[in-house]
Amino acid sequence: MILFIFRASSWLCLIGIVAYVMLSNSGPNSLKSDLEQAKNDHQELVVQLDLDKNESEKELSVVFRSRVDYRNKEEEQASKLEKLKLEIDGVSKKLVDLNNKNEEKEKELADVKEKASNARLPIVEIEKKSLPLLEKKKILEAEKNKLNESLNLVKSEADKVQAKFETLENTRNLAIDNFKEEQERLMEVIKKPFHIYFGDTVSVEVANRAPSGKGFFINQGFEDGFRGDMEFITKNENAKSNLPFRLKATLVQKNFSFLEFLSVDQMDDSSFAEVGDLLRLERSGFSENHESSNDLSQEIP
């Protein structure tokens, strides 16, 4: 409607301008100038008309889209209202059922209260009989508290002993470290012999175990620093016991030695030295039952 009115107005303006030019006494030049002006005005009006047309179409498109969105929202709200109505109907039915169940439970509760009041009479008698037991319970709880206090005292003493033990352990470790440092310092100035010296360590592999169980053979001898009657301390992580044990070299040759156990525990238990086990030997002082002997005259056990 607006577009139609705008077009009619533009045509009326154009007709008015043409009539004015024709009725005017200005002459041909004035008429031509007015006609040119009228054409320009008409062209501007046409351009403006097209712009307004485009704007109107855009507005109409927005209106149509808004209308579609509104319809979709309206349908969505209608669907939600329908679901809510169904839920309200379901809740109403549940309320009715709950009210009926509530009435039934109230009746049951009344019956239970009546039965509980009747059952209270035997409970009173039982409470009277339980009084001695309650007194005994109090006595036992008092004794338990005393025992807990004693236990706490013992734990406190144990913590103190543990603290002293840790202090002594730290002191011992510090002393060991100092001893090792001093030992290394002194050993640097001591001229060692060509054989294994006291305190030196050497790694060996068990080549074979004697059938009698008295010891085992290694593929190291004179050239590796072993000498007859040398005694060593070692331990095997794979053995049943992690305690260290002593060995004695009873037979030493160029590249062959026999190490004998100095305790029957290792003789009876083969886990202390099995074929292939790697042992780290540390040469120690001689034991009390040490007897010097000729290396080459020893017989293999």
Protein backbone atom coordinates (compact mmCIF):
# COMPACT_ATOMS: atom_id res chain seq x y z
CA MET A 1 0.00 0.00 0.00
CA ILE A 2 2.84 2.39 0.89
CA LEU A 3 4.62 1.51 -2.34
CA PHE A 4 1.49 2.27 -4.37
CA ILE A 5 1.00 5.66 -2.69
CA PHE A 6 4.65 6.55 -3.27
CA ARG A 7 4.42 5.68 -6.97
CA ALA A 8 1.20 7.73 -7.45
CA SER A 9 2.79 10.72 -5.74
CA SER A 10 5.83 10.55 -8.02
CA TRP A 11 3.69 10.43 -11.17
CA LEU A 12 1.52 13.33 -9.99
CA CYS A 13 4.63 15.39 -9.32
CA LEU A 14 5.93 14.59 -12.79
CA ILE A 15 2.62 15.54 -14.47
CA GLY A 16 2.52 18.77 -12.47
CA ILE A 17 6.03 19.72 -13.51
CA VAL A 18 5.29 19.04 -17.20
CA ALA A 19 2.08 21.09 -17.03
CA TYR A 20 3.88 23.93 -15.35
CA VAL A 21 6.53 23.97 -18.03
CA MET A 22 4.00 23.93 -20.84
CA LEU A 23 1.90 26.73 -19.37
CA SER A 24 4.85 28.86 -18.48
CA ASN A 25 5.93 31.79 -20.76
CA SER A 26 9.63 31.30 -20.11
CA GLY A 27 10.46 30.18 -23.62
CA PRO A 28 12.12 27.12 -25.15
CA ASN A 29 15.33 27.36 -23.14
CA SER A 30 13.55 27.58 -19.87
CA LEU A 31 11.29 24.72 -20.89
CA LYS A 32 14.25 22.53 -21.80
CA SER A 33 15.98 23.30 -18.52
CA ASP A 34 12.88 22.52 -16.56
CA LEU A 35 12.40 19.32 -18.50
CA GLU A 36 15.97 18.24 -17.71
CA GLN A 37 15.40 19.06 -14.05
CA ALA A 38 12.16 17.13 -14.10
CA LYS A 39 13.92 14.11 -15.61
CA ASN A 40 16.65 14.25 -12.95
CA ASP A 41 14.05 14.52 -10.21
CA HIS A 42 12.18 11.62 -11.73
CA GLN A 43 15.35 9.53 -11.88
CA GLU A 44 16.14 10.29 -8.24
CA LEU A 45 12.59 9.36 -7.31
CA VAL A 46 12.93 6.06 -9.22
CA VAL A 47 16.23 5.29 -7.41
CA GLN A 48 14.67 6.18 -4.07
CA LEU A 49 11.69 4.04 -4.97
CA ASP A 50 13.94 1.05 -5.65
CA LEU A 51 15.77 1.60 -2.36
CA ASP A 52 12.51 1.82 -0.47
CA LYS A 53 11.31 -1.28 -2.28
CA ASN A 54 14.40 -3.22 -1.18
CA GLU A 55 14.03 -2.02 2.39
CA SER A 56 10.37 -2.99 2.36
CA GLU A 57 11.21 -6.46 1.06
CA LYS A 58 13.84 -6.88 3.78
CA GLU A 59 11.38 -5.82 6.44
CA LEU A 60 8.77 -8.20 5.04
CA SER A 61 11.35 -11.02 5.05
CA VAL A 62 12.15 -10.28 8.71
CA VAL A 63 8.45 -10.23 9.50
CA PHE A 64 7.92 -13.57 7.76
CA ARG A 65 10.88 -15.15 9.56
CA SER A 66 9.68 -13.78 12.89
CA ARG A 67 6.26 -15.18 12.16
CA VAL A 68 7.73 -18.62 11.42
CA ASP A 69 9.84 -18.50 14.61
CA TYR A 70 6.82 -17.45 16.60
CA ARG A 71 4.79 -20.33 15.20
CA ASN A 72 7.59 -22.79 16.03
CA LYS A 73 7.85 -21.43 19.57
CA GLU A 74 4.08 -21.53 19.89
CA GLU A 75 4.00 -25.17 18.80
CA GLU A 76 6.89 -25.99 21.16
CA GLN A 77 5.12 -24.32 24.10
CA ALA A 78 1.91 -26.11 23.19
CA SER A 79 3.78 -29.43 23.22
CA LYS A 80 5.31 -28.59 26.60
CA LEU A 81 1.90 -27.64 27.99
CA GLU A 82 0.49 -30.95 26.79
CA LYS A 83 3.33 -32.84 28.49
CA LEU A 84 2.81 -30.85 31.68
CA LYS A 85 -0.89 -31.70 31.61
CA LEU A 86 -0.04 -35.38 31.28
CA GLU A 87 2.48 -35.11 34.14
CA ILE A 88 -0.09 -33.29 36.29
CA ASP A 89 -2.61 -36.04 35.61
CA GLY A 90 -0.01 -38.66 36.57
CA VAL A 91 0.95 -36.77 39.73
CA SER A 92 -2.71 -36.40 40.68
CA LYS A 93 -3.18 -40.16 40.39
CA LYS A 94 -0.02 -40.73 42.46
CA LEU A 95 -1.31 -38.30 45.11
CA VAL A 96 -4.51 -40.25 45.35
CA ASP A 97 -2.59 -43.50 45.71
CA LEU A 98 -0.28 -41.96 48.30
CA ASN A 99 -3.18 -40.64 50.30
CA ASN A 100 -4.73 -44.10 50.33
CA LYS A 101 -1.42 -45.68 51.35
CA ASN A 102 -0.96 -42.98 54.00
CA GLU A 103 -4.29 -43.86 55.55
CA GLU A 104 -3.32 -47.53 55.57
CA LYS A 105 0.05 -46.73 57.18
CA GLU A 106 -1.64 -44.58 59.83
CA LYS A 107 -3.82 -47.54 60.75
CA GLU A 108 -0.76 -49.81 60.86
CA LEU A 109 1.09 -47.24 62.98
CA ALA A 110 -1.77 -47.12 65.46
CA ASP A 111 -1.69 -50.92 65.71
CA VAL A 112 2.09 -50.90 66.17
CA LYS A 113 1.87 -48.28 68.93
CA GLU A 114 -0.70 -50.38 70.73
CA LYS A 115 1.47 -53.49 70.42
CA ALA A 116 4.55 -51.53 71.52
CA SER A 117 2.79 -50.32 74.66
CA ASN A 118 1.85 -53.90 75.47
CA ALA A 119 5.38 -55.14 74.72
CA ARG A 120 6.89 -52.51 77.00
CA LEU A 121 5.97 -54.47 80.11
CA PRO A 122 8.47 -57.34 79.51
CA ILE A 123 11.16 -54.80 78.58
CA VAL A 124 10.85 -53.16 82.01
CA GLU A 125 11.50 -56.51 83.64
CA ILE A 126 14.49 -57.10 81.36
CA GLU A 127 15.93 -53.67 82.24
CA LYS A 128 15.75 -54.53 85.92
CA LYS A 129 17.63 -57.76 85.29
CA SER A 130 20.24 -55.93 83.13
CA LEU A 131 21.28 -53.50 85.90
CA PRO A 132 24.00 -55.83 87.28
CA LEU A 133 25.34 -56.30 83.78
CA LEU A 134 25.50 -52.54 83.28
CA GLU A 135 27.46 -52.16 86.50
CA LYS A 136 29.88 -54.85 85.36
CA LYS A 137 30.19 -53.08 82.01
CA LYS A 138 31.18 -49.84 83.78
CA ILE A 139 33.83 -51.70 85.78
CA LEU A 140 35.25 -53.30 82.63
CA GLU A 141 35.30 -49.95 80.83
CA ALA A 142 37.23 -48.42 83.75
CA GLU A 143 39.75 -51.27 83.59
CA LYS A 144 39.97 -50.82 79.81
CA ASN A 145 40.75 -47.12 80.26
CA LYS A 146 43.52 -47.98 82.72
CA LEU A 147 44.96 -50.48 80.27
CA ASN A 148 44.84 -47.87 77.51
CA GLU A 149 46.73 -45.43 79.73
CA SER A 150 49.34 -48.10 80.42
CA LEU A 151 49.55 -48.87 76.73
CA ASN A 152 50.09 -45.20 75.92
CA LEU A 153 52.91 -45.06 78.48
CA VAL A 154 54.51 -48.14 76.96
CA LYS A 155 54.18 -46.62 73.47
CA SER A 156 55.79 -43.43 74.72
CA GLU A 157 58.70 -45.41 76.16
CA ALA A 158 58.97 -47.37 72.91
CA ASP A 159 59.11 -44.13 70.93
CA LYS A 160 61.90 -42.89 73.19
CA VAL A 161 63.81 -46.15 72.71
CA GLN A 162 63.28 -45.89 68.94
CA ALA A 163 64.58 -42.32 68.98
CA LYS A 164 67.67 -43.44 70.93
CA PHE A 165 68.14 -46.33 68.51
CA GLU A 166 67.97 -44.00 65.52
CA THR A 167 70.45 -41.66 67.18
CA LEU A 168 72.84 -44.54 67.86
CA GLU A 169 72.34 -45.83 64.32
CA ASN A 170 73.22 -42.42 62.90
CA THR A 171 76.25 -42.25 65.17
CA ARG A 172 77.30 -45.73 64.05
CA ASN A 173 76.89 -44.84 60.36
CA LEU A 174 78.90 -41.68 60.90
CA ALA A 175 81.62 -43.67 62.65
CA ILE A 176 81.67 -46.21 59.80
CA ASP A 177 81.99 -43.45 57.23
CA ASN A 178 84.81 -41.85 59.20
CA PHE A 179 86.52 -45.22 59.56
CA LYS A 180 86.30 -45.88 55.83
CA GLU A 181 87.67 -42.45 55.00
CA GLU A 182 90.53 -42.92 57.46
CA GLN A 183 91.12 -46.46 56.19
CA GLU A 184 91.32 -45.27 52.60
CA ARG A 185 93.69 -42.49 53.62
CA LEU A 186 95.98 -44.91 55.48
CA MET A 187 95.81 -47.60 52.81
CA GLU A 188 97.08 -45.13 50.24
CA VAL A 189 100.43 -44.95 52.04
CA ILE A 190 100.64 -48.68 52.84
CA LYS A 191 102.48 -50.81 50.38
CA LYS A 192 100.28 -53.83 49.73
CA PRO A 193 101.60 -57.25 48.75
CA PHE A 194 100.72 -58.90 45.47
CA HIS A 195 98.18 -61.20 47.12
CA ILE A 196 94.74 -60.26 48.47
CA TYR A 197 95.29 -58.04 51.52
CA PHE A 198 93.20 -57.90 54.68
CA GLY A 199 90.02 -55.93 54.01
CA ASP A 200 90.34 -56.23 50.22
CA THR A 201 87.36 -57.55 48.29
CA VAL A 202 87.22 -59.73 45.21
CA SER A 203 84.31 -61.07 43.15
CA VAL A 204 84.19 -64.79 42.34
CA GLU A 205 81.81 -67.12 40.55
CA VAL A 206 80.95 -70.58 41.86
CA ALA A 207 82.31 -72.93 39.18
CA ASN A 208 81.40 -76.22 40.88
CA ARG A 209 80.30 -77.45 44.29
CA ALA A 210 82.09 -80.30 46.04
CA PRO A 211 80.06 -83.52 46.21
CA SER A 212 80.64 -83.65 49.97
CA GLY A 213 79.15 -80.16 50.36
CA LYS A 214 82.22 -78.88 52.25
CA GLY A 215 82.91 -76.09 49.78
CA PHE A 216 83.08 -75.06 46.13
CA PHE A 217 85.61 -74.45 43.36
CA ILE A 218 86.43 -71.18 41.59
CA ASN A 219 88.48 -70.48 38.47
CA GLN A 220 90.85 -68.09 40.26
CA GLY A 221 94.14 -68.82 42.01
CA PHE A 222 97.69 -67.55 42.60
CA GLU A 223 97.58 -65.14 39.68
CA ASP A 224 94.44 -63.51 41.15
CA GLY A 225 96.00 -63.01 44.60
CA PHE A 226 94.64 -66.09 46.39
CA ARG A 227 96.92 -67.93 48.84
CA GLY A 228 96.48 -70.96 50.99
CA ASP A 229 94.74 -70.62 54.40
CA MET A 230 93.26 -67.23 53.52
CA GLU A 231 89.89 -66.70 55.15
CA PHE A 232 87.04 -64.60 53.75
CA ILE A 233 83.65 -63.27 54.78
CA THR A 234 80.78 -63.18 52.26
CA LYS A 235 77.03 -63.57 51.94
CA ASN A 236 74.63 -64.71 49.24
CA GLU A 237 71.44 -62.73 48.59
CA ASN A 238 69.88 -65.84 47.04
CA ALA A 239 70.41 -67.97 50.14
CA LYS A 240 67.67 -68.81 52.63
CA SER A 241 69.55 -66.76 55.22
CA ASN A 242 70.96 -63.28 54.60
CA LEU A 243 73.55 -63.68 57.39
CA PRO A 244 77.21 -63.57 56.28
CA PHE A 245 79.33 -66.72 56.48
CA ARG A 246 83.06 -67.55 56.41
CA LEU A 247 85.19 -69.36 53.81
CA LYS A 248 88.75 -70.70 53.84
CA ALA A 249 91.04 -71.30 50.85
CA THR A 250 92.29 -74.85 51.42
CA LEU A 251 93.60 -75.49 47.91
CA VAL A 252 95.11 -72.79 45.68
CA GLN A 253 96.73 -73.33 42.29
CA LYS A 254 97.59 -71.04 39.40
CA ASN A 255 94.05 -70.50 38.09
CA PHE A 256 92.12 -72.79 40.40
CA SER A 257 91.08 -72.72 44.08
CA PHE A 258 88.86 -74.58 46.51
CA LEU A 259 87.01 -72.55 49.18
CA GLU A 260 85.82 -74.51 52.19
CA PHE A 261 82.87 -73.56 54.43
CA LEU A 262 83.79 -72.95 58.08
CA SER A 263 80.24 -73.70 59.31
CA VAL A 264 78.07 -76.77 58.93
CA ASP A 265 75.07 -74.57 58.10
CA GLN A 266 76.49 -73.85 54.64
CA MET A 267 77.52 -77.48 54.18
CA ASP A 268 73.97 -78.68 54.73
CA ASP A 269 72.26 -75.93 52.67
CA SER A 270 73.28 -75.69 49.01
CA SER A 271 71.51 -72.34 48.54
CA PHE A 272 74.54 -70.55 50.06
CA ALA A 273 76.70 -71.40 47.01
CA GLU A 274 75.18 -72.82 43.86
CA VAL A 275 76.85 -73.14 40.47
CA GLY A 276 76.80 -69.75 38.73
CA ASP A 277 76.30 -67.67 41.89
CA LEU A 278 78.39 -64.50 42.12
CA LEU A 279 79.91 -63.86 45.54
CA ARG A 280 81.86 -60.85 46.78
CA LEU A 281 84.60 -62.04 49.15
CA GLU A 282 86.28 -59.83 51.74
CA ARG A 283 89.51 -61.13 53.27
CA SER A 284 89.24 -61.30 57.05
CA GLY A 285 91.45 -62.26 59.95
CA PHE A 286 92.09 -65.89 60.86
CA SER A 287 89.48 -67.73 62.89
CA GLU A 288 90.29 -69.50 66.18
CA ASN A 289 90.52 -72.95 64.56
CA HIS A 290 93.04 -71.74 61.94
CA GLU A 291 95.86 -74.17 61.20
CA SER A 292 98.62 -73.40 58.75
CA SER A 293 99.13 -75.97 56.01
CA ASN A 294 100.87 -76.43 52.69
CA ASP A 295 98.60 -75.32 49.82
CA LEU A 296 99.78 -77.92 47.39
CA SER A 297 99.57 -80.81 49.87
CA GLN A 298 95.86 -80.27 50.62
CA GLU A 299 93.51 -82.87 49.30
CA ILE A 300 90.28 -81.83 47.59
CA PRO A 301 87.34 -82.77 49.84
